[in-house]
N, C-alpha and C. Protein backbone atom coordinates (compact mmCIF):
# COMPACT_ATOMS: atom_id res chain seq x y z
N MET A 1 97.65 66.30 87.20
CA MET A 1 96.96 67.57 87.10
C MET A 1 95.47 67.36 87.31
N THR A 2 94.86 68.38 87.88
CA THR A 2 93.44 68.25 88.16
C THR A 2 92.62 68.60 86.93
N ASP A 3 91.36 68.23 86.96
CA ASP A 3 90.46 68.50 85.84
C ASP A 3 90.22 70.00 85.66
N LYS A 4 90.16 70.73 86.78
CA LYS A 4 89.94 72.17 86.69
C LYS A 4 91.12 72.87 86.04
N PHE A 5 92.31 72.42 86.38
CA PHE A 5 93.52 73.02 85.81
C PHE A 5 93.56 72.78 84.30
N LEU A 6 93.27 71.56 83.88
CA LEU A 6 93.27 71.25 82.45
C LEU A 6 92.19 72.05 81.71
N ALA A 7 91.04 72.21 82.34
CA ALA A 7 89.98 73.01 81.72
C ALA A 7 90.41 74.46 81.56
N ALA A 8 91.12 74.99 82.55
CA ALA A 8 91.60 76.37 82.48
C ALA A 8 92.63 76.54 81.37
N ILE A 9 93.52 75.58 81.20
CA ILE A 9 94.52 75.64 80.13
C ILE A 9 93.84 75.59 78.77
N ARG A 10 92.84 74.74 78.63
CA ARG A 10 92.11 74.66 77.35
C ARG A 10 91.38 75.97 77.06
N ALA A 11 90.82 76.57 78.09
CA ALA A 11 90.12 77.85 77.90
C ALA A 11 91.09 78.93 77.46
N GLN A 12 92.31 78.93 78.00
CA GLN A 12 93.31 79.90 77.58
C GLN A 12 93.67 79.71 76.12
N ASP A 13 93.80 78.47 75.69
CA ASP A 13 94.13 78.19 74.29
C ASP A 13 93.02 78.68 73.37
N LYS A 14 91.77 78.49 73.77
CA LYS A 14 90.65 78.97 72.97
C LYS A 14 90.65 80.50 72.91
N ALA A 15 90.96 81.14 74.03
CA ALA A 15 90.97 82.60 74.08
C ALA A 15 92.05 83.18 73.18
N LYS A 16 93.18 82.49 73.07
CA LYS A 16 94.26 82.97 72.20
C LYS A 16 93.87 82.91 70.73
N GLN A 17 92.95 82.03 70.38
CA GLN A 17 92.54 81.88 68.99
C GLN A 17 91.47 82.90 68.58
N LEU A 18 90.87 83.58 69.54
CA LEU A 18 89.84 84.56 69.23
C LEU A 18 90.46 85.79 68.56
N PRO A 19 89.70 86.45 67.69
CA PRO A 19 90.23 87.66 67.05
C PRO A 19 90.37 88.79 68.05
N ARG A 20 91.34 89.65 67.83
CA ARG A 20 91.54 90.80 68.70
C ARG A 20 90.49 91.85 68.39
N GLY A 21 90.19 92.69 69.35
CA GLY A 21 89.24 93.77 69.14
C GLY A 21 88.23 93.81 70.26
N ARG A 22 87.33 94.74 70.16
CA ARG A 22 86.36 94.95 71.24
C ARG A 22 85.14 94.05 71.14
N SER A 23 84.79 93.64 69.93
CA SER A 23 83.59 92.80 69.82
C SER A 23 83.90 91.40 70.31
N ASN A 24 82.92 90.73 70.84
CA ASN A 24 83.10 89.40 71.40
C ASN A 24 82.21 88.43 70.65
N PRO A 25 82.80 87.65 69.72
CA PRO A 25 81.98 86.75 68.93
C PRO A 25 81.34 85.64 69.75
N ILE A 26 81.91 85.30 70.89
CA ILE A 26 81.34 84.26 71.73
C ILE A 26 80.00 84.72 72.30
N LEU A 27 79.93 85.98 72.72
CA LEU A 27 78.71 86.51 73.31
C LEU A 27 77.72 87.01 72.26
N GLY A 28 78.11 86.98 71.00
CA GLY A 28 77.22 87.41 69.93
C GLY A 28 77.22 88.91 69.72
N ASP A 29 78.24 89.62 70.22
CA ASP A 29 78.31 91.06 70.00
C ASP A 29 78.63 91.33 68.53
N PRO A 30 77.92 92.23 67.90
CA PRO A 30 78.27 92.57 66.51
C PRO A 30 79.56 93.37 66.49
N PRO A 31 80.34 93.26 65.43
CA PRO A 31 81.57 94.06 65.37
C PRO A 31 81.23 95.54 65.30
N LYS A 32 82.05 96.37 65.93
CA LYS A 32 81.82 97.81 65.97
C LYS A 32 82.09 98.40 64.60
N LYS A 33 81.21 99.30 64.18
CA LYS A 33 81.39 100.00 62.92
C LYS A 33 81.89 101.40 63.22
N PRO A 34 82.79 101.93 62.42
CA PRO A 34 83.18 103.32 62.64
C PRO A 34 81.98 104.21 62.35
N SER A 35 81.72 105.13 63.23
CA SER A 35 80.54 105.97 63.08
C SER A 35 80.89 107.25 62.32
N ALA A 36 79.90 107.78 61.64
CA ALA A 36 80.06 109.04 60.92
C ALA A 36 79.94 110.19 61.91
N PRO A 37 80.44 111.36 61.55
CA PRO A 37 80.27 112.52 62.43
C PRO A 37 78.79 112.82 62.66
N LEU A 38 78.48 113.38 63.81
CA LEU A 38 77.10 113.71 64.13
C LEU A 38 76.59 114.84 63.24
N THR A 39 75.34 114.74 62.86
CA THR A 39 74.73 115.84 62.11
C THR A 39 74.23 116.88 63.08
N ASP A 40 73.96 118.08 62.56
CA ASP A 40 73.44 119.13 63.42
C ASP A 40 72.07 118.77 63.98
N ALA A 41 71.30 117.98 63.23
CA ALA A 41 69.97 117.57 63.72
C ALA A 41 70.11 116.70 64.97
N VAL A 42 71.08 115.78 64.97
CA VAL A 42 71.30 114.92 66.13
C VAL A 42 71.85 115.75 67.29
N ARG A 43 72.75 116.67 67.00
CA ARG A 43 73.28 117.54 68.05
C ARG A 43 72.17 118.37 68.68
N LEU A 44 71.28 118.89 67.83
CA LEU A 44 70.16 119.69 68.34
C LEU A 44 69.24 118.84 69.22
N GLN A 45 69.05 117.59 68.83
CA GLN A 45 68.22 116.69 69.63
C GLN A 45 68.88 116.42 70.99
N ILE A 46 70.20 116.18 70.99
CA ILE A 46 70.94 115.95 72.23
C ILE A 46 70.82 117.17 73.15
N LEU A 47 71.06 118.36 72.59
CA LEU A 47 71.04 119.57 73.41
C LEU A 47 69.64 119.89 73.91
N SER A 48 68.63 119.62 73.10
CA SER A 48 67.25 119.87 73.53
C SER A 48 66.87 118.95 74.69
N LEU A 49 67.22 117.69 74.58
CA LEU A 49 66.93 116.76 75.66
C LEU A 49 67.68 117.14 76.94
N HIS A 50 68.91 117.62 76.77
CA HIS A 50 69.70 118.04 77.93
C HIS A 50 69.08 119.27 78.60
N GLN A 51 68.55 120.19 77.80
CA GLN A 51 67.90 121.38 78.36
C GLN A 51 66.63 121.00 79.11
N ASN A 52 66.02 119.88 78.72
CA ASN A 52 64.82 119.40 79.41
C ASN A 52 65.17 118.51 80.60
N LYS A 53 66.39 118.65 81.09
CA LYS A 53 66.87 117.99 82.33
C LYS A 53 67.01 116.47 82.21
N MET A 54 67.22 115.96 80.99
CA MET A 54 67.47 114.53 80.84
C MET A 54 68.97 114.28 81.01
N ARG A 55 69.31 113.23 81.74
CA ARG A 55 70.71 112.90 81.98
C ARG A 55 71.40 112.43 80.69
N GLY A 56 72.70 112.65 80.63
CA GLY A 56 73.46 112.29 79.44
C GLY A 56 73.40 110.81 79.13
N THR A 57 73.46 109.97 80.16
CA THR A 57 73.41 108.52 79.91
C THR A 57 72.05 108.11 79.38
N ASP A 58 70.99 108.77 79.84
CA ASP A 58 69.65 108.47 79.33
C ASP A 58 69.50 108.93 77.88
N ILE A 59 70.11 110.08 77.56
CA ILE A 59 70.09 110.57 76.18
C ILE A 59 70.82 109.58 75.27
N ALA A 60 71.97 109.12 75.72
CA ALA A 60 72.76 108.17 74.93
C ALA A 60 71.99 106.89 74.69
N ARG A 61 71.33 106.39 75.70
CA ARG A 61 70.55 105.16 75.57
C ARG A 61 69.37 105.36 74.62
N LYS A 62 68.72 106.52 74.73
CA LYS A 62 67.54 106.79 73.91
C LYS A 62 67.91 106.94 72.44
N LEU A 63 69.04 107.58 72.16
CA LEU A 63 69.44 107.83 70.77
C LEU A 63 70.38 106.77 70.21
N GLY A 64 70.80 105.84 71.05
CA GLY A 64 71.70 104.78 70.59
C GLY A 64 73.12 105.27 70.35
N LEU A 65 73.57 106.22 71.16
CA LEU A 65 74.91 106.79 71.02
C LEU A 65 75.77 106.39 72.21
N ASN A 66 77.05 106.63 72.08
CA ASN A 66 77.98 106.42 73.17
C ASN A 66 77.79 107.55 74.18
N ALA A 67 77.87 107.25 75.45
CA ALA A 67 77.70 108.27 76.49
C ALA A 67 78.78 109.35 76.40
N ASN A 68 79.99 108.98 76.00
CA ASN A 68 81.06 109.97 75.85
C ASN A 68 80.76 110.94 74.72
N THR A 69 80.13 110.47 73.66
CA THR A 69 79.76 111.34 72.54
C THR A 69 78.74 112.37 73.00
N VAL A 70 77.77 111.93 73.78
CA VAL A 70 76.75 112.85 74.30
C VAL A 70 77.40 113.87 75.23
N HIS A 71 78.27 113.42 76.11
CA HIS A 71 78.94 114.33 77.04
C HIS A 71 79.76 115.39 76.28
N ASN A 72 80.52 114.95 75.29
CA ASN A 72 81.35 115.89 74.52
C ASN A 72 80.49 116.87 73.74
N THR A 73 79.37 116.41 73.21
CA THR A 73 78.47 117.29 72.46
C THR A 73 77.89 118.36 73.38
N ILE A 74 77.47 117.97 74.57
CA ILE A 74 76.91 118.92 75.53
C ILE A 74 77.97 119.94 75.95
N ARG A 75 79.19 119.50 76.08
CA ARG A 75 80.28 120.39 76.51
C ARG A 75 80.70 121.35 75.40
N ARG A 76 80.68 120.90 74.15
CA ARG A 76 81.23 121.69 73.05
C ARG A 76 80.22 122.57 72.32
N TYR A 77 78.93 122.23 72.39
CA TYR A 77 77.95 122.93 71.57
C TYR A 77 76.86 123.54 72.42
N GLY A 78 76.18 124.53 71.84
CA GLY A 78 75.05 125.16 72.49
C GLY A 78 73.99 125.48 71.44
N ILE A 79 72.85 126.01 71.90
CA ILE A 79 71.77 126.36 70.98
C ILE A 79 71.59 127.87 71.02
N ARG A 80 71.64 128.49 69.84
CA ARG A 80 71.35 129.92 69.69
C ARG A 80 70.41 130.08 68.51
N ASP A 81 69.32 130.75 68.70
CA ASP A 81 68.33 130.97 67.64
C ASP A 81 67.90 129.67 66.99
N ASN A 82 67.72 128.64 67.81
CA ASN A 82 67.27 127.32 67.37
C ASN A 82 68.26 126.65 66.39
N LYS A 83 69.54 127.03 66.49
CA LYS A 83 70.59 126.43 65.68
C LYS A 83 71.72 125.98 66.60
N VAL A 84 72.45 124.97 66.17
CA VAL A 84 73.59 124.47 66.94
C VAL A 84 74.79 125.36 66.69
N VAL A 85 75.43 125.79 67.76
CA VAL A 85 76.59 126.67 67.68
C VAL A 85 77.75 126.02 68.42
N ASN A 86 78.92 126.03 67.79
CA ASN A 86 80.12 125.51 68.44
C ASN A 86 80.61 126.54 69.43
N LEU A 87 80.57 126.22 70.70
CA LEU A 87 80.93 127.18 71.75
C LEU A 87 82.42 127.46 71.77
N GLN A 88 83.22 126.52 71.36
CA GLN A 88 84.68 126.70 71.41
C GLN A 88 85.14 127.69 70.34
N ASN A 89 84.49 127.70 69.17
CA ASN A 89 84.89 128.64 68.12
C ASN A 89 84.42 130.05 68.42
N ASN A 90 83.30 130.18 69.12
CA ASN A 90 82.71 131.50 69.39
C ASN A 90 83.05 132.01 70.78
N MET A 91 84.11 131.50 71.37
CA MET A 91 84.42 131.84 72.75
C MET A 91 84.81 133.32 72.90
N PHE A 92 85.52 133.90 71.92
CA PHE A 92 86.05 135.25 72.08
C PHE A 92 85.31 136.27 71.24
N GLU A 93 84.13 135.94 70.74
CA GLU A 93 83.37 136.91 69.94
C GLU A 93 82.54 137.81 70.81
């Protein structure tokens, strides 16, 4: 067997011993923490930045949020009278 093949087999064995999950201890990624629901203040900040023509990915990077969270917030909520309103609940009013 060649040296490269043996190195690949050893790497597979090491990979099998790693814990399952999204965080990667080899690269120094911290383990993911479950996040709390967004507050209305954070939602208002997201929507305000979006109204000022900032892209969702830039908002996510600036606030330290997941891009999908920002996208869902923009899709589900709006601003009325400087307050956050759930658009899905008020659809038929």
